[in-house]
Full PDB file with SEQRES, HELIX, SHEET, SSBOND, CRYST1, ORIGX, SCALE, CONECT and MASTER records, all heavy atoms in Angstrom:
SEQRES   1 A   43  ALA THR GLN LEU GLU ARG VAL GLY PRO ILE GLU PHE VAL          
SEQRES   2 A   43  ALA GLY GLN LEU LEU LEU GLY PRO ALA PHE ALA LEU ALA          
SEQRES   3 A   43  VAL LEU GLY ALA TRP HIS LEU LEU ARG ALA GLU ASP ALA          
SEQRES   4 A   43  GLU ARG TRP ARG                                              
HELIX    1 AA1 LEU A    4  ARG A    6  5                                   3    
HELIX    2 AA2 PRO A    9  GLN A   16  1                                   8    
HELIX    3 AA3 LEU A   17  LEU A   19  5                                   3    
HELIX    4 AA4 PRO A   21  ARG A   35  1                                  15    
HELIX    5 AA5 GLU A   37  TRP A   42  5                                   6    
CRYST1    1.000    1.000    1.000  90.00  90.00  90.00 P 1           1          
ORIGX1      1.000000  0.000000  0.000000        0.00000                         
ORIGX2      0.000000  1.000000  0.000000        0.00000                         
ORIGX3      0.000000  0.000000  1.000000        0.00000                         
SCALE1      1.000000  0.000000  0.000000        0.00000                         
SCALE2      0.000000  1.000000  0.000000        0.00000                         
SCALE3      0.000000  0.000000  1.000000        0.00000                         
ATOM      1  N   ALA A   1      22.422  60.828  34.021  1.00  0.00           N  
ATOM      2  CA  ALA A   1      23.459  60.683  35.048  1.00  0.00           C  
ATOM      3  C   ALA A   1      23.950  59.297  35.243  1.00  0.00           C  
ATOM      4  O   ALA A   1      25.087  59.059  35.543  1.00  0.00           O  
ATOM      5  CB  ALA A   1      22.901  61.302  36.382  1.00  0.00           C  
ATOM      6  N   THR A   2      23.022  58.247  35.074  1.00  0.00           N  
ATOM      7  CA  THR A   2      23.381  56.919  35.414  1.00  0.00           C  
ATOM      8  C   THR A   2      23.685  56.061  34.157  1.00  0.00           C  
ATOM      9  O   THR A   2      24.450  55.111  34.337  1.00  0.00           O  
ATOM     10  CB  THR A   2      22.131  56.200  36.169  1.00  0.00           C  
ATOM     11  OG1 THR A   2      21.054  56.239  35.268  1.00  0.00           O  
ATOM     12  CG2 THR A   2      21.902  56.896  37.418  1.00  0.00           C  
ATOM     13  N   GLN A   3      23.170  56.422  32.955  1.00  0.00           N  
ATOM     14  CA  GLN A   3      23.376  55.591  31.867  1.00  0.00           C  
ATOM     15  C   GLN A   3      23.978  56.341  30.638  1.00  0.00           C  
ATOM     16  O   GLN A   3      24.891  55.837  30.043  1.00  0.00           O  
ATOM     17  CB  GLN A   3      22.091  54.944  31.477  1.00  0.00           C  
ATOM     18  CG  GLN A   3      21.444  54.017  32.455  1.00  0.00           C  
ATOM     19  CD  GLN A   3      20.212  53.372  32.060  1.00  0.00           C  
ATOM     20  OE1 GLN A   3      19.978  53.104  30.829  1.00  0.00           O  
ATOM     21  NE2 GLN A   3      19.251  53.033  32.997  1.00  0.00           N  
ATOM     22  N   LEU A   4      23.372  57.468  30.291  1.00  0.00           N  
ATOM     23  CA  LEU A   4      23.791  58.155  29.037  1.00  0.00           C  
ATOM     24  C   LEU A   4      25.165  58.801  29.094  1.00  0.00           C  
ATOM     25  O   LEU A   4      25.800  59.149  28.110  1.00  0.00           O  
ATOM     26  CB  LEU A   4      22.738  59.187  28.643  1.00  0.00           C  
ATOM     27  CG  LEU A   4      21.357  58.635  28.384  1.00  0.00           C  
ATOM     28  CD1 LEU A   4      20.415  59.671  27.901  1.00  0.00           C  
ATOM     29  CD2 LEU A   4      21.400  57.469  27.343  1.00  0.00           C  
ATOM     30  N   GLU A   5      25.731  58.979  30.283  1.00  0.00           N  
ATOM     31  CA  GLU A   5      26.971  59.576  30.400  1.00  0.00           C  
ATOM     32  C   GLU A   5      28.104  58.822  29.782  1.00  0.00           C  
ATOM     33  O   GLU A   5      29.136  59.295  29.480  1.00  0.00           O  
ATOM     34  CB  GLU A   5      27.313  59.896  31.894  1.00  0.00           C  
ATOM     35  CG  GLU A   5      27.407  58.685  32.762  1.00  0.00           C  
ATOM     36  CD  GLU A   5      27.929  59.023  34.156  1.00  0.00           C  
ATOM     37  OE1 GLU A   5      27.953  60.202  34.470  1.00  0.00           O  
ATOM     38  OE2 GLU A   5      28.053  58.092  35.024  1.00  0.00           O  
ATOM     39  N   ARG A   6      27.815  57.477  29.715  1.00  0.00           N  
ATOM     40  CA  ARG A   6      28.812  56.476  29.077  1.00  0.00           C  
ATOM     41  C   ARG A   6      28.670  56.398  27.600  1.00  0.00           C  
ATOM     42  O   ARG A   6      29.333  55.613  26.988  1.00  0.00           O  
ATOM     43  CB  ARG A   6      28.714  55.200  29.825  1.00  0.00           C  
ATOM     44  CG  ARG A   6      29.481  55.167  31.102  1.00  0.00           C  
ATOM     45  CD  ARG A   6      29.196  53.848  31.756  1.00  0.00           C  
ATOM     46  NE  ARG A   6      27.969  53.671  32.309  1.00  0.00           N  
ATOM     47  CZ  ARG A   6      27.434  54.203  33.448  1.00  0.00           C  
ATOM     48  NH1 ARG A   6      28.272  54.826  34.167  1.00  0.00           N  
ATOM     49  NH2 ARG A   6      26.182  54.038  33.818  1.00  0.00           N  
ATOM     50  N   VAL A   7      27.626  57.120  26.994  1.00  0.00           N  
ATOM     51  CA  VAL A   7      27.450  56.891  25.559  1.00  0.00           C  
ATOM     52  C   VAL A   7      27.912  58.188  24.890  1.00  0.00           C  
ATOM     53  O   VAL A   7      27.268  59.261  24.924  1.00  0.00           O  
ATOM     54  CB  VAL A   7      25.861  56.758  25.342  1.00  0.00           C  
ATOM     55  CG1 VAL A   7      25.658  56.541  23.785  1.00  0.00           C  
ATOM     56  CG2 VAL A   7      25.394  55.499  26.092  1.00  0.00           C  
ATOM     57  N   GLY A   8      29.045  58.130  24.231  1.00  0.00           N  
ATOM     58  CA  GLY A   8      29.499  59.234  23.432  1.00  0.00           C  
ATOM     59  C   GLY A   8      29.288  58.992  21.898  1.00  0.00           C  
ATOM     60  O   GLY A   8      28.644  57.941  21.562  1.00  0.00           O  
ATOM     61  N   PRO A   9      29.683  59.925  21.079  1.00  0.00           N  
ATOM     62  CA  PRO A   9      29.469  59.751  19.610  1.00  0.00           C  
ATOM     63  C   PRO A   9      30.147  58.494  19.068  1.00  0.00           C  
ATOM     64  O   PRO A   9      29.507  57.815  18.296  1.00  0.00           O  
ATOM     65  CB  PRO A   9      30.172  60.989  19.055  1.00  0.00           C  
ATOM     66  CG  PRO A   9      30.088  61.961  20.165  1.00  0.00           C  
ATOM     67  CD  PRO A   9      30.336  61.308  21.474  1.00  0.00           C  
ATOM     68  N   ILE A  10      31.217  58.086  19.525  1.00  0.00           N  
ATOM     69  CA  ILE A  10      31.865  56.921  19.065  1.00  0.00           C  
ATOM     70  C   ILE A  10      31.171  55.668  19.471  1.00  0.00           C  
ATOM     71  O   ILE A  10      30.810  54.766  18.630  1.00  0.00           O  
ATOM     72  CB  ILE A  10      33.373  56.796  19.558  1.00  0.00           C  
ATOM     73  CG1 ILE A  10      34.169  57.926  19.100  1.00  0.00           C  
ATOM     74  CG2 ILE A  10      33.948  55.477  19.231  1.00  0.00           C  
ATOM     75  CD1 ILE A  10      35.586  57.893  19.602  1.00  0.00           C  
ATOM     76  N   GLU A  11      30.632  55.658  20.648  1.00  0.00           N  
ATOM     77  CA  GLU A  11      29.838  54.458  21.123  1.00  0.00           C  
ATOM     78  C   GLU A  11      28.472  54.385  20.433  1.00  0.00           C  
ATOM     79  O   GLU A  11      28.035  53.321  20.014  1.00  0.00           O  
ATOM     80  CB  GLU A  11      29.563  54.626  22.675  1.00  0.00           C  
ATOM     81  CG  GLU A  11      30.766  54.420  23.526  1.00  0.00           C  
ATOM     82  CD  GLU A  11      31.653  55.486  23.648  1.00  0.00           C  
ATOM     83  OE1 GLU A  11      31.274  56.589  23.122  1.00  0.00           O  
ATOM     84  OE2 GLU A  11      32.754  55.393  24.141  1.00  0.00           O  
ATOM     85  N   PHE A  12      27.912  55.571  20.072  1.00  0.00           N  
ATOM     86  CA  PHE A  12      26.640  55.634  19.371  1.00  0.00           C  
ATOM     87  C   PHE A  12      26.804  55.037  18.002  1.00  0.00           C  
ATOM     88  O   PHE A  12      25.976  54.281  17.521  1.00  0.00           O  
ATOM     89  CB  PHE A  12      26.115  57.051  19.373  1.00  0.00           C  
ATOM     90  CG  PHE A  12      24.807  57.207  18.674  1.00  0.00           C  
ATOM     91  CD1 PHE A  12      23.590  56.771  19.353  1.00  0.00           C  
ATOM     92  CD2 PHE A  12      24.730  57.651  17.369  1.00  0.00           C  
ATOM     93  CE1 PHE A  12      22.413  56.944  18.737  1.00  0.00           C  
ATOM     94  CE2 PHE A  12      23.450  57.794  16.787  1.00  0.00           C  
ATOM     95  CZ  PHE A  12      22.362  57.413  17.468  1.00  0.00           C  
ATOM     96  N   VAL A  13      27.844  55.563  17.211  1.00  0.00           N  
ATOM     97  CA  VAL A  13      28.049  55.110  15.923  1.00  0.00           C  
ATOM     98  C   VAL A  13      28.462  53.614  15.897  1.00  0.00           C  
ATOM     99  O   VAL A  13      27.947  52.844  15.027  1.00  0.00           O  
ATOM    100  CB  VAL A  13      29.079  55.922  15.217  1.00  0.00           C  
ATOM    101  CG1 VAL A  13      29.504  55.359  13.823  1.00  0.00           C  
ATOM    102  CG2 VAL A  13      28.682  57.319  15.124  1.00  0.00           C  
ATOM    103  N   ALA A  14      29.313  53.131  16.874  1.00  0.00           N  
ATOM    104  CA  ALA A  14      29.707  51.804  16.930  1.00  0.00           C  
ATOM    105  C   ALA A  14      28.506  50.848  17.162  1.00  0.00           C  
ATOM    106  O   ALA A  14      28.451  49.763  16.631  1.00  0.00           O  
ATOM    107  CB  ALA A  14      30.774  51.590  18.022  1.00  0.00           C  
ATOM    108  N   GLY A  15      27.545  51.382  17.849  1.00  0.00           N  
ATOM    109  CA  GLY A  15      26.333  50.620  18.107  1.00  0.00           C  
ATOM    110  C   GLY A  15      25.464  50.432  16.900  1.00  0.00           C  
ATOM    111  O   GLY A  15      24.830  49.279  16.745  1.00  0.00           O  
ATOM    112  N   GLN A  16      25.610  51.329  15.993  1.00  0.00           N  
ATOM    113  CA  GLN A  16      24.904  51.105  14.690  1.00  0.00           C  
ATOM    114  C   GLN A  16      25.470  50.015  13.825  1.00  0.00           C  
ATOM    115  O   GLN A  16      24.882  49.318  13.055  1.00  0.00           O  
ATOM    116  CB  GLN A  16      24.791  52.440  13.839  1.00  0.00           C  
ATOM    117  CG  GLN A  16      24.412  53.639  14.607  1.00  0.00           C  
ATOM    118  CD  GLN A  16      23.097  53.497  15.360  1.00  0.00           C  
ATOM    119  OE1 GLN A  16      22.188  52.869  14.853  1.00  0.00           O  
ATOM    120  NE2 GLN A  16      23.128  53.867  16.657  1.00  0.00           N  
ATOM    121  N   LEU A  17      26.870  49.891  14.010  1.00  0.00           N  
ATOM    122  CA  LEU A  17      27.497  48.846  13.198  1.00  0.00           C  
ATOM    123  C   LEU A  17      27.138  47.484  13.620  1.00  0.00           C  
ATOM    124  O   LEU A  17      27.384  46.485  12.945  1.00  0.00           O  
ATOM    125  CB  LEU A  17      29.018  49.052  13.281  1.00  0.00           C  
ATOM    126  CG  LEU A  17      29.566  50.402  12.773  1.00  0.00           C  
ATOM    127  CD1 LEU A  17      31.136  50.447  13.096  1.00  0.00           C  
ATOM    128  CD2 LEU A  17      29.253  50.589  11.352  1.00  0.00           C  
ATOM    129  N   LEU A  18      26.516  47.316  14.810  1.00  0.00           N  
ATOM    130  CA  LEU A  18      26.138  45.990  15.239  1.00  0.00           C  
ATOM    131  C   LEU A  18      25.021  45.388  14.352  1.00  0.00           C  
ATOM    132  O   LEU A  18      24.660  44.219  14.507  1.00  0.00           O  
ATOM    133  CB  LEU A  18      25.723  46.034  16.674  1.00  0.00           C  
ATOM    134  CG  LEU A  18      26.717  46.342  17.696  1.00  0.00           C  
ATOM    135  CD1 LEU A  18      26.206  46.409  19.159  1.00  0.00           C  
ATOM    136  CD2 LEU A  18      27.883  45.291  17.648  1.00  0.00           C  
ATOM    137  N   LEU A  19      24.390  46.274  13.562  1.00  0.00           N  
ATOM    138  CA  LEU A  19      23.438  45.770  12.552  1.00  0.00           C  
ATOM    139  C   LEU A  19      23.993  44.914  11.535  1.00  0.00           C  
ATOM    140  O   LEU A  19      23.322  44.217  10.723  1.00  0.00           O  
ATOM    141  CB  LEU A  19      22.638  46.911  11.912  1.00  0.00           C  
ATOM    142  CG  LEU A  19      21.835  47.698  12.795  1.00  0.00           C  
ATOM    143  CD1 LEU A  19      21.292  49.048  12.041  1.00  0.00           C  
ATOM    144  CD2 LEU A  19      20.575  46.945  13.102  1.00  0.00           C  
ATOM    145  N   GLY A  20      25.376  44.960  11.447  1.00  0.00           N  
ATOM    146  CA  GLY A  20      26.084  44.136  10.499  1.00  0.00           C  
ATOM    147  C   GLY A  20      25.906  44.614   9.026  1.00  0.00           C  
ATOM    148  O   GLY A  20      25.750  45.842   8.786  1.00  0.00           O  
ATOM    149  N   PRO A  21      25.969  43.681   8.065  1.00  0.00           N  
ATOM    150  CA  PRO A  21      25.822  44.119   6.660  1.00  0.00           C  
ATOM    151  C   PRO A  21      24.584  44.853   6.301  1.00  0.00           C  
ATOM    152  O   PRO A  21      24.590  45.585   5.411  1.00  0.00           O  
ATOM    153  CB  PRO A  21      25.909  42.771   5.865  1.00  0.00           C  
ATOM    154  CG  PRO A  21      25.510  41.736   6.880  1.00  0.00           C  
ATOM    155  CD  PRO A  21      25.973  42.280   8.204  1.00  0.00           C  
ATOM    156  N   ALA A  22      23.519  44.736   7.051  1.00  0.00           N  
ATOM    157  CA  ALA A  22      22.359  45.514   6.932  1.00  0.00           C  
ATOM    158  C   ALA A  22      22.554  46.945   7.056  1.00  0.00           C  
ATOM    159  O   ALA A  22      21.817  47.797   6.481  1.00  0.00           O  
ATOM    160  CB  ALA A  22      21.147  45.002   7.686  1.00  0.00           C  
ATOM    161  N   PHE A  23      23.528  47.333   7.877  1.00  0.00           N  
ATOM    162  CA  PHE A  23      23.794  48.752   8.014  1.00  0.00           C  
ATOM    163  C   PHE A  23      24.316  49.437   6.707  1.00  0.00           C  
ATOM    164  O   PHE A  23      23.886  50.551   6.452  1.00  0.00           O  
ATOM    165  CB  PHE A  23      24.928  48.958   9.111  1.00  0.00           C  
ATOM    166  CG  PHE A  23      25.270  50.413   9.354  1.00  0.00           C  
ATOM    167  CD1 PHE A  23      24.282  51.298   9.988  1.00  0.00           C  
ATOM    168  CD2 PHE A  23      26.494  50.875   8.953  1.00  0.00           C  
ATOM    169  CE1 PHE A  23      24.690  52.649  10.218  1.00  0.00           C  
ATOM    170  CE2 PHE A  23      26.819  52.175   9.189  1.00  0.00           C  
ATOM    171  CZ  PHE A  23      25.893  53.095   9.917  1.00  0.00           C  
ATOM    172  N   ALA A  24      25.079  48.721   6.002  1.00  0.00           N  
ATOM    173  CA  ALA A  24      25.468  49.161   4.660  1.00  0.00           C  
ATOM    174  C   ALA A  24      24.222  49.396   3.694  1.00  0.00           C  
ATOM    175  O   ALA A  24      24.111  50.403   2.933  1.00  0.00           O  
ATOM    176  CB  ALA A  24      26.440  48.251   3.934  1.00  0.00           C  
ATOM    177  N   LEU A  25      23.216  48.487   3.882  1.00  0.00           N  
ATOM    178  CA  LEU A  25      22.006  48.695   3.131  1.00  0.00           C  
ATOM    179  C   LEU A  25      21.233  49.984   3.582  1.00  0.00           C  
ATOM    180  O   LEU A  25      20.647  50.689   2.623  1.00  0.00           O  
ATOM    181  CB  LEU A  25      21.158  47.439   3.327  1.00  0.00           C  
ATOM    182  CG  LEU A  25      19.934  47.279   2.367  1.00  0.00           C  
ATOM    183  CD1 LEU A  25      20.416  47.054   0.918  1.00  0.00           C  
ATOM    184  CD2 LEU A  25      19.067  46.182   2.854  1.00  0.00           C  
ATOM    185  N   ALA A  26      21.287  50.235   4.831  1.00  0.00           N  
ATOM    186  CA  ALA A  26      20.651  51.448   5.274  1.00  0.00           C  
ATOM    187  C   ALA A  26      21.296  52.685   4.863  1.00  0.00           C  
ATOM    188  O   ALA A  26      20.737  53.658   4.527  1.00  0.00           O  
ATOM    189  CB  ALA A  26      20.603  51.437   6.836  1.00  0.00           C  
ATOM    190  N   VAL A  27      22.648  52.627   4.833  1.00  0.00           N  
ATOM    191  CA  VAL A  27      23.396  53.849   4.320  1.00  0.00           C  
ATOM    192  C   VAL A  27      23.080  54.015   2.851  1.00  0.00           C  
ATOM    193  O   VAL A  27      22.921  55.229   2.341  1.00  0.00           O  
ATOM    194  CB  VAL A  27      24.875  53.568   4.572  1.00  0.00           C  
ATOM    195  CG1 VAL A  27      25.749  54.741   3.829  1.00  0.00           C  
ATOM    196  CG2 VAL A  27      25.197  53.523   6.020  1.00  0.00           C  
ATOM    197  N   LEU A  28      23.003  52.995   2.089  1.00  0.00           N  
ATOM    198  CA  LEU A  28      22.664  53.106   0.703  1.00  0.00           C  
ATOM    199  C   LEU A  28      21.316  53.669   0.575  1.00  0.00           C  
ATOM    200  O   LEU A  28      21.000  54.510  -0.311  1.00  0.00           O  
ATOM    201  CB  LEU A  28      22.723  51.744  -0.018  1.00  0.00           C  
ATOM    202  CG  LEU A  28      22.368  51.696  -1.532  1.00  0.00           C  
ATOM    203  CD1 LEU A  28      23.346  52.635  -2.330  1.00  0.00           C  
ATOM    204  CD2 LEU A  28      22.435  50.253  -2.013  1.00  0.00           C  
ATOM    205  N   GLY A  29      20.367  53.309   1.440  1.00  0.00           N  
ATOM    206  CA  GLY A  29      18.978  53.795   1.341  1.00  0.00           C  
ATOM    207  C   GLY A  29      18.939  55.280   1.706  1.00  0.00           C  
ATOM    208  O   GLY A  29      18.227  55.998   1.056  1.00  0.00           O  
ATOM    209  N   ALA A  30      19.738  55.735   2.648  1.00  0.00           N  
ATOM    210  CA  ALA A  30      19.806  57.193   3.009  1.00  0.00           C  
ATOM    211  C   ALA A  30      20.261  57.896   1.829  1.00  0.00           C  
ATOM    212  O   ALA A  30      19.798  59.035   1.361  1.00  0.00           O  
ATOM    213  CB  ALA A  30      20.609  57.390   4.219  1.00  0.00           C  
ATOM    214  N   TRP A  31      21.373  57.380   1.207  1.00  0.00           N  
ATOM    215  CA  TRP A  31      21.866  58.097  -0.035  1.00  0.00           C  
ATOM    216  C   TRP A  31      20.876  58.152  -1.103  1.00  0.00           C  
ATOM    217  O   TRP A  31      20.678  59.159  -1.812  1.00  0.00           O  
ATOM    218  CB  TRP A  31      23.180  57.433  -0.485  1.00  0.00           C  
ATOM    219  CG  TRP A  31      23.817  58.062  -1.703  1.00  0.00           C  
ATOM    220  CD1 TRP A  31      24.793  59.033  -1.656  1.00  0.00           C  
ATOM    221  CD2 TRP A  31      23.479  57.880  -3.031  1.00  0.00           C  
ATOM    222  NE1 TRP A  31      25.059  59.425  -2.893  1.00  0.00           N  
ATOM    223  CE2 TRP A  31      24.340  58.756  -3.763  1.00  0.00           C  
ATOM    224  CE3 TRP A  31      22.619  57.111  -3.675  1.00  0.00           C  
ATOM    225  CZ2 TRP A  31      24.257  58.762  -5.190  1.00  0.00           C  
ATOM    226  CZ3 TRP A  31      22.531  57.110  -5.114  1.00  0.00           C  
ATOM    227  CH2 TRP A  31      23.395  57.980  -5.817  1.00  0.00           C  
ATOM    228  N   HIS A  32      20.114  57.067  -1.263  1.00  0.00           N  
ATOM    229  CA  HIS A  32      19.125  56.970  -2.364  1.00  0.00           C  
ATOM    230  C   HIS A  32      18.041  58.082  -2.123  1.00  0.00           C  
ATOM    231  O   HIS A  32      17.671  58.764  -3.050  1.00  0.00           O  
ATOM    232  CB  HIS A  32      18.518  55.630  -2.451  1.00  0.00           C  
ATOM    233  CG  HIS A  32      17.542  55.447  -3.489  1.00  0.00           C  
ATOM    234  ND1 HIS A  32      17.698  55.426  -4.887  1.00  0.00           N  
ATOM    235  CD2 HIS A  32      16.123  55.321  -3.373  1.00  0.00           C  
ATOM    236  CE1 HIS A  32      16.614  55.257  -5.430  1.00  0.00           C  
ATOM    237  NE2 HIS A  32      15.670  55.231  -4.642  1.00  0.00           N  
ATOM    238  N   LEU A  33      17.567  58.150  -0.958  1.00  0.00           N  
ATOM    239  CA  LEU A  33      16.535  58.990  -0.639  1.00  0.00           C  
ATOM    240  C   LEU A  33      16.978  60.571  -0.713  1.00  0.00           C  
ATOM    241  O   LEU A  33      16.156  61.371  -1.119  1.00  0.00           O  
ATOM    242  CB  LEU A  33      15.927  58.794   0.759  1.00  0.00           C  
ATOM    243  CG  LEU A  33      15.166  57.630   0.987  1.00  0.00           C  
ATOM    244  CD1 LEU A  33      14.885  57.220   2.412  1.00  0.00           C  
ATOM    245  CD2 LEU A  33      13.923  57.529   0.159  1.00  0.00           C  
ATOM    246  N   LEU A  34      18.208  60.766  -0.510  1.00  0.00           N  
ATOM    247  CA  LEU A  34      18.643  62.193  -0.514  1.00  0.00           C  
ATOM    248  C   LEU A  34      19.192  62.588  -1.906  1.00  0.00           C  
ATOM    249  O   LEU A  34      19.205  63.787  -2.245  1.00  0.00           O  
ATOM    250  CB  LEU A  34      19.754  62.420   0.546  1.00  0.00           C  
ATOM    251  CG  LEU A  34      19.248  62.338   2.057  1.00  0.00           C  
ATOM    252  CD1 LEU A  34      20.504  62.424   2.898  1.00  0.00           C  
ATOM    253  CD2 LEU A  34      18.246  63.385   2.256  1.00  0.00           C  
ATOM    254  N   ARG A  35      19.610  61.669  -2.693  1.00  0.00           N  
ATOM    255  CA  ARG A  35      20.368  62.025  -3.936  1.00  0.00           C  
ATOM    256  C   ARG A  35      19.796  61.620  -5.192  1.00  0.00           C  
ATOM    257  O   ARG A  35      19.975  62.236  -6.188  1.00  0.00           O  
ATOM    258  CB  ARG A  35      21.817  61.491  -3.771  1.00  0.00           C  
ATOM    259  CG  ARG A  35      22.594  61.986  -2.593  1.00  0.00           C  
ATOM    260  CD  ARG A  35      22.935  63.471  -2.743  1.00  0.00           C  
ATOM    261  NE  ARG A  35      23.778  63.744  -3.839  1.00  0.00           N  
ATOM    262  CZ  ARG A  35      24.078  64.972  -4.241  1.00  0.00           C  
ATOM    263  NH1 ARG A  35      23.594  66.009  -3.536  1.00  0.00           N  
ATOM    264  NH2 ARG A  35      24.878  65.165  -5.354  1.00  0.00           N  
ATOM    265  N   ALA A  36      19.051  60.434  -5.212  1.00  0.00           N  
ATOM    266  CA  ALA A  36      18.499  59.837  -6.459  1.00  0.00           C  
ATOM    267  C   ALA A  36      17.519  60.807  -6.997  1.00  0.00           C  
ATOM    268  O   ALA A  36      16.539  61.274  -6.316  1.00  0.00           O  
ATOM    269  CB  ALA A  36      18.063  58.494  -6.255  1.00  0.00           C  
ATOM    270  N   GLU A  37      17.604  61.141  -8.311  1.00  0.00           N  
ATOM    271  CA  GLU A  37      16.642  61.994  -8.883  1.00  0.00           C  
ATOM    272  C   GLU A  37      15.174  61.411  -8.864  1.00  0.00           C  
ATOM    273  O   GLU A  37      14.202  62.167  -8.668  1.00  0.00           O  
ATOM    274  CB  GLU A  37      17.033  62.187 -10.412  1.00  0.00           C  
ATOM    275  CG  GLU A  37      18.285  63.040 -10.491  1.00  0.00           C  
ATOM    276  CD  GLU A  37      18.684  63.341 -11.996  1.00  0.00           C  
ATOM    277  OE1 GLU A  37      17.817  62.928 -12.782  1.00  0.00           O  
ATOM    278  OE2 GLU A  37      19.722  64.012 -12.162  1.00  0.00           O  
ATOM    279  N   ASP A  38      15.051  60.166  -9.090  1.00  0.00           N  
ATOM    280  CA  ASP A  38      13.664  59.557  -9.016  1.00  0.00           C  
ATOM    281  C   ASP A  38      13.152  59.319  -7.672  1.00  0.00           C  
ATOM    282  O   ASP A  38      11.957  58.900  -7.516  1.00  0.00           O  
ATOM    283  CB  ASP A  38      13.641  58.172  -9.853  1.00  0.00           C  
ATOM    284  CG  ASP A  38      14.522  57.175  -9.191  1.00  0.00           C  
ATOM    285  OD1 ASP A  38      15.470  57.669  -8.393  1.00  0.00           O  
ATOM    286  OD2 ASP A  38      14.563  56.054  -9.530  1.00  0.00           O  
ATOM    287  N   ALA A  39      13.910  59.763  -6.614  1.00  0.00           N  
ATOM    288  CA  ALA A  39      13.349  59.705  -5.256  1.00  0.00           C  
ATOM    289  C   ALA A  39      13.007  61.056  -4.708  1.00  0.00           C  
ATOM    290  O   ALA A  39      12.892  61.231  -3.448  1.00  0.00           O  
ATOM    291  CB  ALA A  39      14.416  58.958  -4.368  1.00  0.00           C  
ATOM    292  N   GLU A  40      12.965  62.042  -5.580  1.00  0.00           N  
ATOM    293  CA  GLU A  40      12.692  63.503  -5.146  1.00  0.00           C  
ATOM    294  C   GLU A  40      11.438  63.435  -4.316  1.00  0.00           C  
ATOM    295  O   GLU A  40      11.317  64.337  -3.370  1.00  0.00           O  
ATOM    296  CB  GLU A  40      12.657  64.326  -6.308  1.00  0.00           C  
ATOM    297  CG  GLU A  40      12.415  65.786  -5.960  1.00  0.00           C  
ATOM    298  CD  GLU A  40      12.400  66.787  -7.191  1.00  0.00           C  
ATOM    299  OE1 GLU A  40      12.386  66.214  -8.307  1.00  0.00           O  
ATOM    300  OE2 GLU A  40      12.248  67.976  -6.943  1.00  0.00           O  
ATOM    301  N   ARG A  41      10.344  62.788  -4.698  1.00  0.00           N  
ATOM    302  CA  ARG A  41       9.143  62.782  -3.913  1.00  0.00           C  
ATOM    303  C   ARG A  41       9.244  62.370  -2.440  1.00  0.00           C  
ATOM    304  O   ARG A  41       8.544  62.867  -1.690  1.00  0.00           O  
ATOM    305  CB  ARG A  41       8.088  61.902  -4.613  1.00  0.00           C  
ATOM    306  CG  ARG A  41       7.696  62.370  -6.009  1.00  0.00           C  
ATOM    307  CD  ARG A  41       6.808  61.327  -6.671  1.00  0.00           C  
ATOM    308  NE  ARG A  41       7.591  60.046  -7.004  1.00  0.00           N  
ATOM    309  CZ  ARG A  41       7.158  58.948  -7.438  1.00  0.00           C  
ATOM    310  NH1 ARG A  41       5.825  58.846  -7.586  1.00  0.00           N  
ATOM    311  NH2 ARG A  41       7.849  57.892  -7.622  1.00  0.00           N  
ATOM    312  N   TRP A  42      10.260  61.610  -2.143  1.00  0.00           N  
ATOM    313  CA  TRP A  42      10.412  61.161  -0.866  1.00  0.00           C  
ATOM    314  C   TRP A  42      11.696  61.669  -0.088  1.00  0.00           C  
ATOM    315  O   TRP A  42      12.174  61.228   0.837  1.00  0.00           O  
ATOM    316  CB  TRP A  42      10.578  59.580  -0.875  1.00  0.00           C  
ATOM    317  CG  TRP A  42       9.461  58.926  -1.670  1.00  0.00           C  
ATOM    318  CD1 TRP A  42       8.166  59.102  -1.418  1.00  0.00           C  
ATOM    319  CD2 TRP A  42       9.554  58.114  -2.827  1.00  0.00           C  
ATOM    320  NE1 TRP A  42       7.430  58.357  -2.352  1.00  0.00           N  
ATOM    321  CE2 TRP A  42       8.272  57.774  -3.239  1.00  0.00           C  
ATOM    322  CE3 TRP A  42      10.661  57.633  -3.530  1.00  0.00           C  
ATOM    323  CZ2 TRP A  42       8.043  57.000  -4.314  1.00  0.00           C  
ATOM    324  CZ3 TRP A  42      10.443  56.847  -4.656  1.00  0.00           C  
ATOM    325  CH2 TRP A  42       9.107  56.521  -5.047  1.00  0.00           C  
ATOM    326  N   ARG A  43      12.151  62.829  -0.540  1.00  0.00           N  
ATOM    327  CA  ARG A  43      13.322  63.493  -0.024  1.00  0.00           C  
ATOM    328  C   ARG A  43      13.196  63.802   1.428  1.00  0.00           C  
ATOM    329  O   ARG A  43      14.053  63.832   2.258  1.00  0.00           O  
ATOM    330  CB  ARG A  43      13.612  64.684  -0.862  1.00  0.00           C  
ATOM    331  CG  ARG A  43      15.021  65.279  -0.619  1.00  0.00           C  
ATOM    332  CD  ARG A  43      16.098  64.394  -1.468  1.00  0.00           C  
ATOM    333  NE  ARG A  43      16.050  64.817  -2.815  1.00  0.00           N  
ATOM    334  CZ  ARG A  43      16.228  63.983  -3.871  1.00  0.00           C  
ATOM    335  NH1 ARG A  43      16.435  62.736  -3.649  1.00  0.00           N  
ATOM    336  NH2 ARG A  43      16.166  64.363  -5.113  1.00  0.00           N  
TER     337      ARG A  43                                                      
MASTER        0    0    0    5    0    0    0    6  336    1    0    4          
END                                                                             
């Protein structure tokens, strides 16, 4: 009621971008864990 009502999907995603260029590294990491063949053990 006091804090989370101001946090919508856009604000949530925008908050992740505050990580700066490291956020791109995290996105690449998620793609690698989900798609890379040699990462199947850690899917």
